[in-house]
Amino acid sequence: SNGTLGFRFRATMATSVLGLAVWDRNNDGFSGN
């Protein structure tokens, strides 16, 4: 895909986002990118 993919969500608890992640299929990285 050439787009930005993710999801919309509602927070149900007063917490904090510590980091962001992306799905890595087969755990093989992103070809150096």
PDB file of all heavy atoms in Angstrom:
ATOM      1  N   SER A   1       0.843  -1.193   0.000  1.00  0.00           N
ATOM      2  CA  SER A   1       0.000   0.000   0.000  1.00  0.00           C
ATOM      3  C   SER A   1       0.877   1.241   0.000  1.00  0.00           C
ATOM      4  O   SER A   1       1.964   1.254   0.577  1.00  0.00           O
ATOM      5  CB  SER A   1      -0.903   0.008   1.236  1.00  0.00           C
ATOM      6  OG  SER A   1      -1.573   1.258   1.354  1.00  0.00           O
ATOM      7  N   ASN A   2       0.391   2.292  -0.633  1.00  0.00           N
ATOM      8  CA  ASN A   2       1.098   3.571  -0.630  1.00  0.00           C
ATOM      9  C   ASN A   2       0.473   4.565   0.333  1.00  0.00           C
ATOM     10  O   ASN A   2       0.831   5.738   0.341  1.00  0.00           O
ATOM     11  CB  ASN A   2       1.107   4.178  -2.045  1.00  0.00           C
ATOM     12  CG  ASN A   2       1.972   3.385  -2.997  1.00  0.00           C
ATOM     13  OD1 ASN A   2       3.022   2.889  -2.612  1.00  0.00           O
ATOM     14  ND2 ASN A   2       1.522   3.252  -4.239  1.00  0.00           N
ATOM     15  N   GLY A   3      -0.451   4.091   1.149  1.00  0.00           N
ATOM     16  CA  GLY A   3      -1.163   4.989   2.048  1.00  0.00           C
ATOM     17  C   GLY A   3      -0.806   4.796   3.511  1.00  0.00           C
ATOM     18  O   GLY A   3       0.019   3.945   3.874  1.00  0.00           O
ATOM     19  N   THR A   4      -1.440   5.611   4.340  1.00  0.00           N
ATOM     20  CA  THR A   4      -1.325   5.488   5.790  1.00  0.00           C
ATOM     21  C   THR A   4      -2.469   4.625   6.285  1.00  0.00           C
ATOM     22  O   THR A   4      -3.636   4.933   6.034  1.00  0.00           O
ATOM     23  CB  THR A   4      -1.380   6.869   6.466  1.00  0.00           C
ATOM     24  OG1 THR A   4      -0.250   7.635   6.052  1.00  0.00           O
ATOM     25  CG2 THR A   4      -1.365   6.749   7.978  1.00  0.00           C
ATOM     26  N   LEU A   5      -2.131   3.529   6.985  1.00  0.00           N
ATOM     27  CA  LEU A   5      -3.133   2.573   7.431  1.00  0.00           C
ATOM     28  C   LEU A   5      -3.069   2.421   8.946  1.00  0.00           C
ATOM     29  O   LEU A   5      -1.987   2.351   9.531  1.00  0.00           O
ATOM     30  CB  LEU A   5      -2.913   1.212   6.769  1.00  0.00           C
ATOM     31  CG  LEU A   5      -2.999   1.163   5.244  1.00  0.00           C
ATOM     32  CD1 LEU A   5      -2.768  -0.256   4.747  1.00  0.00           C
ATOM     33  CD2 LEU A   5      -4.329   1.700   4.752  1.00  0.00           C
ATOM     34  N   GLY A   6      -4.237   2.347   9.564  1.00  0.00           N
ATOM     35  CA  GLY A   6      -4.306   2.169  11.011  1.00  0.00           C
ATOM     36  C   GLY A   6      -5.738   2.040  11.471  1.00  0.00           C
ATOM     37  O   GLY A   6      -6.557   1.384  10.818  1.00  0.00           O
ATOM     38  N   PHE A   7      -6.070   2.717  12.570  1.00  0.00           N
ATOM     39  CA  PHE A   7      -7.425   2.620  13.091  1.00  0.00           C
ATOM     40  C   PHE A   7      -7.763   3.816  13.972  1.00  0.00           C
ATOM     41  O   PHE A   7      -6.891   4.496  14.516  1.00  0.00           O
ATOM     42  CB  PHE A   7      -7.633   1.311  13.860  1.00  0.00           C
ATOM     43  CG  PHE A   7      -6.689   1.102  15.023  1.00  0.00           C
ATOM     44  CD1 PHE A   7      -7.053   1.482  16.319  1.00  0.00           C
ATOM     45  CD2 PHE A   7      -5.445   0.526  14.837  1.00  0.00           C
ATOM     46  CE1 PHE A   7      -6.194   1.275  17.377  1.00  0.00           C
ATOM     47  CE2 PHE A   7      -4.579   0.320  15.898  1.00  0.00           C
ATOM     48  CZ  PHE A   7      -4.956   0.695  17.175  1.00  0.00           C
ATOM     49  N   ARG A   8      -9.046   4.052  14.064  1.00  0.00           N
ATOM     50  CA  ARG A   8      -9.619   5.050  14.980  1.00  0.00           C
ATOM     51  C   ARG A   8     -10.058   4.320  16.232  1.00  0.00           C
ATOM     52  O   ARG A   8     -10.550   3.187  16.165  1.00  0.00           O
ATOM     53  CB  ARG A   8     -10.807   5.741  14.327  1.00  0.00           C
ATOM     54  CG  ARG A   8     -11.506   6.816  15.170  1.00  0.00           C
ATOM     55  CD  ARG A   8     -12.622   7.435  14.344  1.00  0.00           C
ATOM     56  NE  ARG A   8     -13.259   8.569  15.003  1.00  0.00           N
ATOM     57  CZ  ARG A   8     -14.487   8.546  15.550  1.00  0.00           C
ATOM     58  NH1 ARG A   8     -15.199   7.407  15.519  1.00  0.00           N
ATOM     59  NH2 ARG A   8     -14.996   9.611  16.113  1.00  0.00           N
ATOM     60  N   PHE A   9      -9.894   4.946  17.400  1.00  0.00           N
ATOM     61  CA  PHE A   9     -10.255   4.274  18.640  1.00  0.00           C
ATOM     62  C   PHE A   9     -10.693   5.284  19.692  1.00  0.00           C
ATOM     63  O   PHE A   9     -10.406   6.480  19.587  1.00  0.00           O
ATOM     64  CB  PHE A   9      -9.076   3.453  19.177  1.00  0.00           C
ATOM     65  CG  PHE A   9      -7.883   4.284  19.598  1.00  0.00           C
ATOM     66  CD1 PHE A   9      -7.725   4.712  20.909  1.00  0.00           C
ATOM     67  CD2 PHE A   9      -6.916   4.644  18.670  1.00  0.00           C
ATOM     68  CE1 PHE A   9      -6.632   5.480  21.289  1.00  0.00           C
ATOM     69  CE2 PHE A   9      -5.813   5.409  19.048  1.00  0.00           C
ATOM     70  CZ  PHE A   9      -5.666   5.828  20.354  1.00  0.00           C
ATOM     71  N   ARG A  10     -11.389   4.766  20.703  1.00  0.00           N
ATOM     72  CA  ARG A  10     -11.798   5.575  21.851  1.00  0.00           C
ATOM     73  C   ARG A  10     -11.055   5.086  23.090  1.00  0.00           C
ATOM     74  O   ARG A  10     -10.953   3.877  23.332  1.00  0.00           O
ATOM     75  CB  ARG A  10     -13.310   5.459  22.083  1.00  0.00           C
ATOM     76  CG  ARG A  10     -13.815   6.241  23.303  1.00  0.00           C
ATOM     77  CD  ARG A  10     -15.328   6.212  23.373  1.00  0.00           C
ATOM     78  NE  ARG A  10     -15.838   4.849  23.445  1.00  0.00           N
ATOM     79  CZ  ARG A  10     -17.125   4.530  23.341  1.00  0.00           C
ATOM     80  NH1 ARG A  10     -18.030   5.475  23.119  1.00  0.00           N
ATOM     81  NH2 ARG A  10     -17.511   3.267  23.423  1.00  0.00           N
ATOM     82  N   ALA A  11     -10.518   6.022  23.861  1.00  0.00           N
ATOM     83  CA  ALA A  11      -9.805   5.669  25.093  1.00  0.00           C
ATOM     84  C   ALA A  11     -10.815   5.344  26.192  1.00  0.00           C
ATOM     85  O   ALA A  11     -11.770   6.092  26.414  1.00  0.00           O
ATOM     86  CB  ALA A  11      -8.911   6.815  25.544  1.00  0.00           C
ATOM     87  N   THR A  12     -10.608   4.229  26.879  1.00  0.00           N
ATOM     88  CA  THR A  12     -11.517   3.820  27.957  1.00  0.00           C
ATOM     89  C   THR A  12     -10.861   3.918  29.330  1.00  0.00           C
ATOM     90  O   THR A  12     -11.490   3.595  30.327  1.00  0.00           O
ATOM     91  CB  THR A  12     -11.987   2.369  27.738  1.00  0.00           C
ATOM     92  OG1 THR A  12     -10.852   1.492  27.742  1.00  0.00           O
ATOM     93  CG2 THR A  12     -12.735   2.236  26.423  1.00  0.00           C
ATOM     94  N   MET A  13      -9.607   4.347  29.361  1.00  0.00           N
ATOM     95  CA  MET A  13      -8.894   4.464  30.632  1.00  0.00           C
ATOM     96  C   MET A  13      -7.941   5.640  30.548  1.00  0.00           C
ATOM     97  O   MET A  13      -7.372   5.920  29.488  1.00  0.00           O
ATOM     98  CB  MET A  13      -8.116   3.175  30.933  1.00  0.00           C
ATOM     99  CG  MET A  13      -7.375   3.189  32.251  1.00  0.00           C
ATOM    100  SD  MET A  13      -6.546   1.594  32.553  1.00  0.00           S
ATOM    101  CE  MET A  13      -5.837   1.909  34.159  1.00  0.00           C
ATOM    102  N   ALA A  14      -7.753   6.343  31.666  1.00  0.00           N
ATOM    103  CA  ALA A  14      -6.829   7.473  31.716  1.00  0.00           C
ATOM    104  C   ALA A  14      -5.393   6.944  31.761  1.00  0.00           C
ATOM    105  O   ALA A  14      -4.830   6.730  32.830  1.00  0.00           O
ATOM    106  CB  ALA A  14      -7.117   8.359  32.922  1.00  0.00           C
ATOM    107  N   THR A  15      -4.848   6.713  30.599  1.00  0.00           N
ATOM    108  CA  THR A  15      -3.486   6.192  30.491  1.00  0.00           C
ATOM    109  C   THR A  15      -2.725   7.030  29.475  1.00  0.00           C
ATOM    110  O   THR A  15      -3.225   8.051  29.005  1.00  0.00           O
ATOM    111  CB  THR A  15      -3.504   4.706  30.083  1.00  0.00           C
ATOM    112  OG1 THR A  15      -2.179   4.204  30.066  1.00  0.00           O
ATOM    113  CG2 THR A  15      -4.157   4.517  28.732  1.00  0.00           C
ATOM    114  N   SER A  16      -1.509   6.628  29.138  1.00  0.00           N
ATOM    115  CA  SER A  16      -0.687   7.383  28.192  1.00  0.00           C
ATOM    116  C   SER A  16      -0.148   6.468  27.107  1.00  0.00           C
ATOM    117  O   SER A  16       0.108   5.282  27.341  1.00  0.00           O
ATOM    118  CB  SER A  16       0.490   8.044  28.919  1.00  0.00           C
ATOM    119  OG  SER A  16       0.040   9.020  29.848  1.00  0.00           O
ATOM    120  N   VAL A  17       0.013   7.035  25.933  1.00  0.00           N
ATOM    121  CA  VAL A  17       0.672   6.326  24.835  1.00  0.00           C
ATOM    122  C   VAL A  17       2.176   6.520  25.002  1.00  0.00           C
ATOM    123  O   VAL A  17       2.675   7.647  24.987  1.00  0.00           O
ATOM    124  CB  VAL A  17       0.209   6.856  23.464  1.00  0.00           C
ATOM    125  CG1 VAL A  17       0.952   6.138  22.334  1.00  0.00           C
ATOM    126  CG2 VAL A  17      -1.297   6.676  23.309  1.00  0.00           C
ATOM    127  N   LEU A  18       2.896   5.423  25.160  1.00  0.00           N
ATOM    128  CA  LEU A  18       4.346   5.484  25.356  1.00  0.00           C
ATOM    129  C   LEU A  18       5.121   5.332  24.050  1.00  0.00           C
ATOM    130  O   LEU A  18       6.246   5.814  23.931  1.00  0.00           O
ATOM    131  CB  LEU A  18       4.800   4.381  26.319  1.00  0.00           C
ATOM    132  CG  LEU A  18       4.221   4.417  27.733  1.00  0.00           C
ATOM    133  CD1 LEU A  18       4.799   3.280  28.563  1.00  0.00           C
ATOM    134  CD2 LEU A  18       4.486   5.754  28.395  1.00  0.00           C
ATOM    135  N   GLY A  19       4.521   4.641  23.087  1.00  0.00           N
ATOM    136  CA  GLY A  19       5.210   4.401  21.824  1.00  0.00           C
ATOM    137  C   GLY A  19       4.225   4.050  20.729  1.00  0.00           C
ATOM    138  O   GLY A  19       3.022   3.889  20.973  1.00  0.00           O
ATOM    139  N   LEU A  20       4.733   3.945  19.515  1.00  0.00           N
ATOM    140  CA  LEU A  20       3.927   3.596  18.352  1.00  0.00           C
ATOM    141  C   LEU A  20       4.578   2.419  17.643  1.00  0.00           C
ATOM    142  O   LEU A  20       5.798   2.228  17.715  1.00  0.00           O
ATOM    143  CB  LEU A  20       3.812   4.788  17.406  1.00  0.00           C
ATOM    144  CG  LEU A  20       3.182   6.058  18.007  1.00  0.00           C
ATOM    145  CD1 LEU A  20       3.251   7.208  17.013  1.00  0.00           C
ATOM    146  CD2 LEU A  20       1.743   5.801  18.437  1.00  0.00           C
ATOM    147  N   ALA A  21       3.759   1.630  16.958  1.00  0.00           N
ATOM    148  CA  ALA A  21       4.240   0.386  16.367  1.00  0.00           C
ATOM    149  C   ALA A  21       3.664   0.194  14.972  1.00  0.00           C
ATOM    150  O   ALA A  21       2.701   0.855  14.574  1.00  0.00           O
ATOM    151  CB  ALA A  21       3.855  -0.798  17.257  1.00  0.00           C
ATOM    152  N   VAL A  22       4.274  -0.727  14.244  1.00  0.00           N
ATOM    153  CA  VAL A  22       3.787  -1.104  12.921  1.00  0.00           C
ATOM    154  C   VAL A  22       3.923  -2.617  12.787  1.00  0.00           C
ATOM    155  O   VAL A  22       4.837  -3.227  13.344  1.00  0.00           O
ATOM    156  CB  VAL A  22       4.571  -0.360  11.811  1.00  0.00           C
ATOM    157  CG1 VAL A  22       6.046  -0.714  11.848  1.00  0.00           C
ATOM    158  CG2 VAL A  22       3.982  -0.648  10.434  1.00  0.00           C
ATOM    159  N   TRP A  23       2.997  -3.212  12.044  1.00  0.00           N
ATOM    160  CA  TRP A  23       3.018  -4.658  11.845  1.00  0.00           C
ATOM    161  C   TRP A  23       4.182  -5.040  10.938  1.00  0.00           C
ATOM    162  O   TRP A  23       4.388  -4.446   9.882  1.00  0.00           O
ATOM    163  CB  TRP A  23       1.703  -5.117  11.226  1.00  0.00           C
ATOM    164  CG  TRP A  23       1.655  -6.587  10.937  1.00  0.00           C
ATOM    165  CD1 TRP A  23       1.725  -7.183   9.707  1.00  0.00           C
ATOM    166  CD2 TRP A  23       1.545  -7.645  11.889  1.00  0.00           C
ATOM    167  NE1 TRP A  23       1.656  -8.544   9.843  1.00  0.00           N
ATOM    168  CE2 TRP A  23       1.549  -8.860  11.175  1.00  0.00           C
ATOM    169  CE3 TRP A  23       1.442  -7.678  13.275  1.00  0.00           C
ATOM    170  CZ2 TRP A  23       1.455 -10.094  11.790  1.00  0.00           C
ATOM    171  CZ3 TRP A  23       1.355  -8.908  13.898  1.00  0.00           C
ATOM    172  CH2 TRP A  23       1.356 -10.095  13.165  1.00  0.00           C
ATOM    173  N   ASP A  24       4.957  -6.024  11.379  1.00  0.00           N
ATOM    174  CA  ASP A  24       6.086  -6.528  10.597  1.00  0.00           C
ATOM    175  C   ASP A  24       5.826  -7.990  10.255  1.00  0.00           C
ATOM    176  O   ASP A  24       6.047  -8.885  11.064  1.00  0.00           O
ATOM    177  CB  ASP A  24       7.388  -6.380  11.387  1.00  0.00           C
ATOM    178  CG  ASP A  24       8.606  -6.873  10.609  1.00  0.00           C
ATOM    179  OD1 ASP A  24       8.455  -7.203   9.413  1.00  0.00           O
ATOM    180  OD2 ASP A  24       9.703  -6.935  11.205  1.00  0.00           O
ATOM    181  N   ARG A  25       5.350  -8.214   9.052  1.00  0.00           N
ATOM    182  CA  ARG A  25       5.038  -9.574   8.607  1.00  0.00           C
ATOM    183  C   ARG A  25       6.324 -10.391   8.505  1.00  0.00           C
ATOM    184  O   ARG A  25       7.334  -9.934   7.980  1.00  0.00           O
ATOM    185  CB  ARG A  25       4.331  -9.524   7.252  1.00  0.00           C
ATOM    186  CG  ARG A  25       3.959 -10.870   6.678  1.00  0.00           C
ATOM    187  CD  ARG A  25       3.099 -10.671   5.443  1.00  0.00           C
ATOM    188  NE  ARG A  25       2.783 -11.937   4.815  1.00  0.00           N
ATOM    189  CZ  ARG A  25       3.385 -12.392   3.715  1.00  0.00           C
ATOM    190  NH1 ARG A  25       4.336 -11.677   3.138  1.00  0.00           N
ATOM    191  NH2 ARG A  25       3.028 -13.537   3.180  1.00  0.00           N
ATOM    192  N   ASN A  26       6.284 -11.579   9.059  1.00  0.00           N
ATOM    193  CA  ASN A  26       7.401 -12.530   9.044  1.00  0.00           C
ATOM    194  C   ASN A  26       8.610 -12.079   9.856  1.00  0.00           C
ATOM    195  O   ASN A  26       9.671 -12.720   9.800  1.00  0.00           O
ATOM    196  CB  ASN A  26       7.841 -12.846   7.603  1.00  0.00           C
ATOM    197  CG  ASN A  26       6.764 -13.553   6.807  1.00  0.00           C
ATOM    198  OD1 ASN A  26       6.002 -14.348   7.352  1.00  0.00           O
ATOM    199  ND2 ASN A  26       6.680 -13.245   5.519  1.00  0.00           N
ATOM    200  N   ASN A  27       8.477 -10.961  10.576  1.00  0.00           N
ATOM    201  CA  ASN A  27       9.576 -10.489  11.445  1.00  0.00           C
ATOM    202  C   ASN A  27      10.880 -10.286  10.677  1.00  0.00           C
ATOM    203  O   ASN A  27      11.968 -10.531  11.198  1.00  0.00           O
ATOM    204  CB  ASN A  27       9.817 -11.476  12.595  1.00  0.00           C
ATOM    205  CG  ASN A  27       8.585 -11.665  13.452  1.00  0.00           C
ATOM    206  OD1 ASN A  27       7.980 -10.703  13.899  1.00  0.00           O
ATOM    207  ND2 ASN A  27       8.200 -12.920  13.680  1.00  0.00           N
ATOM    208  N   ASP A  28      10.772  -9.829   9.441  1.00  0.00           N
ATOM    209  CA  ASP A  28      11.972  -9.695   8.616  1.00  0.00           C
ATOM    210  C   ASP A  28      12.363  -8.249   8.359  1.00  0.00           C
ATOM    211  O   ASP A  28      13.195  -7.962   7.488  1.00  0.00           O
ATOM    212  CB  ASP A  28      11.781 -10.431   7.286  1.00  0.00           C
ATOM    213  CG  ASP A  28      10.545  -9.954   6.527  1.00  0.00           C
ATOM    214  OD1 ASP A  28       9.820  -9.074   7.038  1.00  0.00           O
ATOM    215  OD2 ASP A  28      10.288 -10.472   5.423  1.00  0.00           O
ATOM    216  N   GLY A  29      11.775  -7.316   9.110  1.00  0.00           N
ATOM    217  CA  GLY A  29      12.141  -5.915   8.939  1.00  0.00           C
ATOM    218  C   GLY A  29      11.523  -5.292   7.705  1.00  0.00           C
ATOM    219  O   GLY A  29      10.610  -5.845   7.087  1.00  0.00           O
ATOM    220  N   PHE A  30      12.073  -4.137   7.322  1.00  0.00           N
ATOM    221  CA  PHE A  30      11.474  -3.333   6.262  1.00  0.00           C
ATOM    222  C   PHE A  30      12.482  -3.018   5.148  1.00  0.00           C
ATOM    223  O   PHE A  30      12.527  -1.904   4.630  1.00  0.00           O
ATOM    224  CB  PHE A  30      10.925  -2.030   6.852  1.00  0.00           C
ATOM    225  CG  PHE A  30      10.111  -2.231   8.100  1.00  0.00           C
ATOM    226  CD1 PHE A  30      10.502  -1.654   9.301  1.00  0.00           C
ATOM    227  CD2 PHE A  30       8.969  -3.012   8.084  1.00  0.00           C
ATOM    228  CE1 PHE A  30       9.761  -1.838  10.456  1.00  0.00           C
ATOM    229  CE2 PHE A  30       8.225  -3.211   9.236  1.00  0.00           C
ATOM    230  CZ  PHE A  30       8.616  -2.628  10.427  1.00  0.00           C
ATOM    231  N   SER A  31      13.320  -3.985   4.811  1.00  0.00           N
ATOM    232  CA  SER A  31      14.309  -3.836   3.745  1.00  0.00           C
ATOM    233  C   SER A  31      15.205  -2.614   3.963  1.00  0.00           C
ATOM    234  O   SER A  31      15.552  -1.896   3.013  1.00  0.00           O
ATOM    235  CB  SER A  31      13.613  -3.726   2.382  1.00  0.00           C
ATOM    236  OG  SER A  31      12.917  -4.911   2.093  1.00  0.00           O
ATOM    237  N   GLY A  32      15.554  -2.379   5.203  1.00  0.00           N
ATOM    238  CA  GLY A  32      16.449  -1.280   5.520  1.00  0.00           C
ATOM    239  C   GLY A  32      15.776   0.068   5.666  1.00  0.00           C
ATOM    240  O   GLY A  32      16.428   1.055   6.020  1.00  0.00           O
ATOM    241  N   ASN A  33      14.484   0.147   5.372  1.00  0.00           N
ATOM    242  CA  ASN A  33      13.772   1.410   5.493  1.00  0.00           C
ATOM    243  C   ASN A  33      13.309   1.656   6.923  1.00  0.00           C
ATOM    244  O   ASN A  33      13.296   0.743   7.757  1.00  0.00           O
ATOM    245  CB  ASN A  33      12.542   1.423   4.576  1.00  0.00           C
ATOM    246  CG  ASN A  33      12.919   1.430   3.107  1.00  0.00           C
ATOM    247  OD1 ASN A  33      14.087   1.575   2.767  1.00  0.00           O
ATOM    248  ND2 ASN A  33      11.931   1.284   2.245  1.00  0.00           N
TER     249      ASN A  33
END
